[in-house]
Protein backbone atom coordinates (compact mmCIF):
# COMPACT_ATOMS: atom_id res chain seq x y z
CA MET A 1 -29.54 104.87 23.96
CA PRO A 2 -26.88 106.96 22.06
CA ARG A 3 -26.43 106.04 18.16
CA PRO A 4 -23.53 104.16 17.21
CA ARG A 5 -22.03 107.29 15.87
CA PHE A 6 -21.72 108.93 19.29
CA GLN A 7 -19.77 105.71 20.32
CA LYS A 8 -17.42 105.93 17.97
CA LEU A 9 -16.31 109.65 18.86
CA PRO A 10 -13.05 109.85 21.03
CA GLU A 11 -13.58 109.49 24.76
CA GLU A 12 -12.84 113.23 25.29
CA LYS A 13 -15.26 114.31 23.16
CA LYS A 14 -17.87 112.18 24.45
CA ARG A 15 -17.22 113.17 27.93
CA ALA A 16 -17.26 117.00 27.13
CA ILE A 17 -20.84 116.50 25.65
CA LEU A 18 -22.13 114.62 28.48
CA GLU A 19 -20.71 116.87 31.04
CA VAL A 20 -22.67 119.72 29.35
CA ALA A 21 -25.72 117.70 29.49
CA THR A 22 -25.22 116.75 33.12
CA VAL A 23 -24.87 120.26 34.45
CA GLU A 24 -28.15 121.16 32.34
CA PHE A 25 -30.26 118.36 33.65
CA SER A 26 -28.99 118.63 37.25
CA ALA A 27 -29.80 122.15 37.26
CA HIS A 28 -33.09 122.04 35.74
CA GLY A 29 -34.42 118.66 35.75
CA PHE A 30 -35.42 116.72 32.74
CA ARG A 31 -38.60 118.74 31.81
CA ALA A 32 -37.12 122.46 32.04
CA ALA A 33 -33.81 121.61 30.72
CA SER A 34 -33.18 122.72 27.53
CA PHE A 35 -31.84 120.71 24.48
CA ASN A 36 -30.84 123.72 22.49
CA ARG A 37 -29.10 125.07 25.44
CA ILE A 38 -27.10 121.73 26.01
CA ILE A 39 -26.31 121.65 21.99
CA GLU A 40 -25.16 125.65 22.28
CA LYS A 41 -23.04 124.75 25.16
CA ALA A 42 -21.49 121.69 23.72
CA GLY A 43 -20.48 123.60 20.58
CA LEU A 44 -22.53 121.33 18.26
CA SER A 45 -25.01 122.14 15.69
CA LYS A 46 -28.68 120.56 16.06
CA GLY A 47 -27.70 118.29 13.07
CA ALA A 48 -24.60 117.01 14.83
CA MET A 49 -26.43 116.32 18.10
CA TYR A 50 -29.42 114.50 16.18
CA TYR A 51 -26.63 112.54 14.78
CA TYR A 52 -25.51 111.19 18.12
CA PHE A 53 -28.90 110.95 20.02
CA ASN A 54 -32.59 110.64 18.76
CA ASP A 55 -33.82 113.09 21.12
CA LYS A 56 -33.54 114.79 24.89
CA GLU A 57 -34.65 111.64 26.36
CA ASP A 58 -32.18 109.73 24.79
CA LEU A 59 -29.35 112.11 25.94
CA PHE A 60 -30.89 112.07 29.54
CA LEU A 61 -30.65 108.40 29.77
CA CYS A 62 -27.21 108.27 28.31
CA VAL A 63 -26.26 110.99 31.24
CA VAL A 64 -27.92 108.89 33.81
CA ASN A 65 -26.21 105.63 32.74
CA ARG A 66 -22.98 107.33 32.49
CA LEU A 67 -23.34 108.85 36.14
CA GLN A 68 -24.50 105.37 37.57
CA ASP A 69 -21.57 103.44 36.09
CA GLU A 70 -18.95 106.09 37.32
CA ILE A 71 -20.91 105.77 41.09
CA MET A 72 -20.57 101.94 40.69
CA ALA A 73 -16.70 101.80 39.66
CA LYS A 74 -16.40 104.20 42.98
CA LEU A 75 -18.35 101.72 44.96
CA GLY A 76 -16.64 98.59 44.03
CA GLU A 77 -17.86 95.35 44.95
CA LEU A 78 -17.95 93.42 48.25
CA GLY A 79 -14.73 92.65 49.63
CA PRO A 80 -13.96 88.98 50.56
CA CYS A 81 -16.46 87.59 53.14
CA ASP A 82 -17.37 84.24 54.07
CA ASP A 83 -19.77 84.36 56.91
CA PRO A 84 -22.55 86.84 57.99
CA ASP A 85 -20.50 89.14 60.13
CA SER A 86 -18.04 89.89 57.50
CA TYR A 87 -20.91 90.29 54.75
CA TRP A 88 -22.50 93.00 56.50
CA ARG A 89 -19.16 94.66 57.54
CA GLU A 90 -18.58 94.90 53.89
CA LEU A 91 -22.09 95.88 52.75
CA ARG A 92 -21.49 98.59 55.52
CA GLY A 93 -18.20 99.59 53.61
CA LEU A 94 -20.23 99.91 50.18
CA PHE A 95 -23.09 102.27 52.05
CA GLU A 96 -19.96 104.42 53.20
CA ARG A 97 -18.50 104.59 50.07
CA ALA A 98 -21.84 105.71 48.51
CA ALA A 99 -22.35 108.47 51.25
CA VAL A 100 -18.61 109.68 50.65
CA SER A 101 -19.40 109.83 46.69
CA LYS A 102 -22.69 112.08 47.26
CA GLN A 103 -20.63 114.33 49.82
CA GLU A 104 -17.85 114.86 47.25
CA ASP A 105 -20.15 115.28 44.35
CA PRO A 106 -23.64 117.18 44.89
CA THR A 107 -24.35 116.31 41.24
CA ILE A 108 -24.97 112.82 42.28
CA ILE A 109 -28.07 114.14 44.62
CA GLN A 110 -29.12 116.49 42.14
CA MET A 111 -29.32 114.07 39.32
CA GLY A 112 -30.87 111.69 41.36
CA MET A 113 -33.68 114.19 42.13
CA ALA A 114 -34.00 115.02 38.17
CA MET A 115 -34.44 111.21 38.07
CA LEU A 116 -37.05 110.84 40.07
CA LYS A 117 -39.17 113.92 39.58
CA SER A 118 -38.99 112.72 35.71
CA ALA A 119 -40.29 109.38 36.44
CA ALA A 120 -42.90 110.47 38.98
CA ALA A 121 -44.35 113.03 36.83
CA GLY A 122 -44.15 111.01 33.61
CA ASP A 123 -42.11 113.82 31.85
CA THR A 124 -40.62 110.94 29.51
CA GLN A 125 -41.56 107.27 29.10
CA LEU A 126 -38.66 106.20 31.33
CA THR A 127 -39.93 104.61 34.55
CA TYR A 128 -38.23 104.30 37.89
CA ASP A 129 -36.99 100.75 36.91
CA HIS A 130 -35.25 102.18 33.67
CA LEU A 131 -33.63 104.86 35.45
CA PHE A 132 -32.40 102.65 38.33
CA ALA A 133 -31.63 99.34 36.28
CA ASN A 134 -28.06 99.46 37.16
CA VAL A 135 -28.82 99.86 40.87
CA HIS A 136 -31.31 96.92 40.73
CA ASP A 137 -28.72 94.71 39.55
CA TRP A 138 -26.15 95.89 42.30
CA ILE A 139 -28.89 94.83 44.81
CA GLU A 140 -29.54 91.39 43.04
CA ALA A 141 -25.50 90.79 43.44
CA LEU A 142 -25.74 91.47 47.11
CA VAL A 143 -28.59 89.28 47.58
CA VAL A 144 -27.15 86.03 46.10
CA LYS A 145 -23.63 86.84 47.50
CA GLY A 146 -25.65 87.12 51.33
CA GLN A 147 -27.23 83.87 50.61
CA GLU A 148 -24.22 81.89 49.79
CA VAL A 149 -22.67 82.96 53.14
CA GLY A 150 -25.63 82.46 55.40
CA ALA A 151 -26.32 86.34 55.91
CA VAL A 152 -29.39 86.69 53.70
CA ARG A 153 -32.62 84.24 54.49
CA ARG A 154 -32.97 81.34 51.91
CA ASP A 155 -36.49 80.54 52.41
CA VAL A 156 -37.59 83.59 50.24
CA PRO A 157 -36.53 83.14 46.69
CA ALA A 158 -33.57 85.58 45.61
CA PHE A 159 -35.82 87.18 42.77
CA LEU A 160 -38.62 87.97 45.63
CA MET A 161 -35.87 89.28 48.00
CA VAL A 162 -34.48 91.77 45.56
CA THR A 163 -38.05 93.02 44.42
CA MET A 164 -38.89 93.53 47.98
CA LEU A 165 -35.55 95.38 48.74
CA TRP A 166 -36.19 97.41 45.30
CA ALA A 167 -39.54 98.27 46.70
CA VAL A 168 -38.25 99.76 50.02
CA SER A 169 -35.60 101.57 48.10
CA GLY A 170 -37.97 103.26 45.50
CA ALA A 171 -40.36 104.29 48.61
CA GLY A 172 -37.60 105.92 50.20
CA ASP A 173 -36.61 107.49 47.22
CA MET A 174 -40.07 108.99 46.40
CA TRP A 175 -40.74 110.10 49.98
CA ALA A 176 -37.55 111.92 50.03
CA MET A 177 -38.34 113.63 46.69
CA ARG A 178 -41.65 114.75 47.78
CA ASN A 179 -40.90 115.66 51.46
CA VAL A 180 -36.90 116.82 51.52
CA SER A 181 -35.65 119.71 49.67
CA GLU A 182 -32.64 119.56 47.75
CA GLU A 183 -30.70 121.85 49.97
CA ALA A 184 -31.74 119.61 52.92
CA LEU A 185 -30.33 116.47 51.14
CA LEU A 186 -27.11 118.02 50.52
CA GLN A 187 -26.77 118.60 54.26
CA ILE A 188 -27.75 115.01 55.21
CA ASP A 189 -26.29 113.35 58.19
CA TYR A 190 -25.06 110.35 56.19
CA GLU A 191 -23.56 108.38 59.13
CA LYS A 192 -26.86 108.33 60.53
CA ALA A 193 -28.44 107.51 56.95
CA THR A 194 -26.06 104.67 56.67
CA ASP A 195 -26.86 103.11 59.90
CA PHE A 196 -30.60 103.50 59.08
CA SER A 197 -30.21 101.77 55.66
CA ILE A 198 -28.03 98.70 57.20
CA ASP A 199 -30.49 98.26 60.06
CA LEU A 200 -33.65 98.36 57.52
CA TYR A 201 -31.66 95.71 55.24
CA ARG A 202 -30.94 93.47 58.19
CA ARG A 203 -34.42 93.44 59.33
CA ILE A 204 -35.54 92.46 55.94
CA MET A 205 -32.52 90.23 55.04
CA GLU A 206 -31.55 88.39 57.84
CA PRO A 207 -32.41 84.84 58.61
CA GLY A 208 -35.09 84.20 61.10
CA VAL A 209 -37.57 81.05 61.61
CA GLU A 210 -37.62 79.41 58.19
CA ILE A 211 -41.34 78.40 57.72
CA GLY A 212 -40.81 77.46 54.00
CA PHE A 213 -42.09 79.66 51.00
CA PHE A 214 -45.74 79.26 50.50
CA TRP A 215 -45.94 79.39 46.54
CA PRO A 216 -44.47 76.82 44.20
CA VAL A 217 -41.62 78.34 42.15
CA ASN A 218 -40.70 78.27 38.56
CA ASP A 219 -37.00 77.30 37.83
CA SER A 220 -36.43 80.90 36.65
CA GLU A 221 -37.91 82.18 40.12
CA GLU A 222 -39.74 85.00 37.87
CA GLY A 223 -42.20 82.90 36.75
């Protein structure tokens, strides 16, 4: 993560540095991105950049976190929902807002691909879980809310349900990275993509015949 000195910079200066880095990483990916080119275009000296970040990986993670925070802010949270129908309606709204964000800002897709390729190739010590930690927390909040209103099955511990959804999400991301070009991703039919995602989530999450969980669960659910 950035050093405290970076956090003390004026917001305008921080944004300028990260925007330059975002353009470089989204255009070239992590491995081919040039730390020196970022430094030059940001109008900094090497000493100044290392004053703010430990290395290129540190800067990359900062860019990732900033982009995810901005996306989450655009998505917002689930609106009022107190039953399964309203829950799935609100969840669909979140997916639709995510689709609009990707259509309006191709950088989201380009950075997403850079993140996936970096994790898959082992270019950095940052794993898929590190890079998409904010998304994991988002899914967890959705699961907990869904269980509260009866939209998500309760015979599966929330932590396990999150882990299952996380695995499905990661598998889809990795498949797309290996089989779909960036150009094709920019032309995706997001309405169909939203329909597919909601249908898949419902098949996994919705209550069915509850047979009871077959392992004893610790109080934390993570043990």
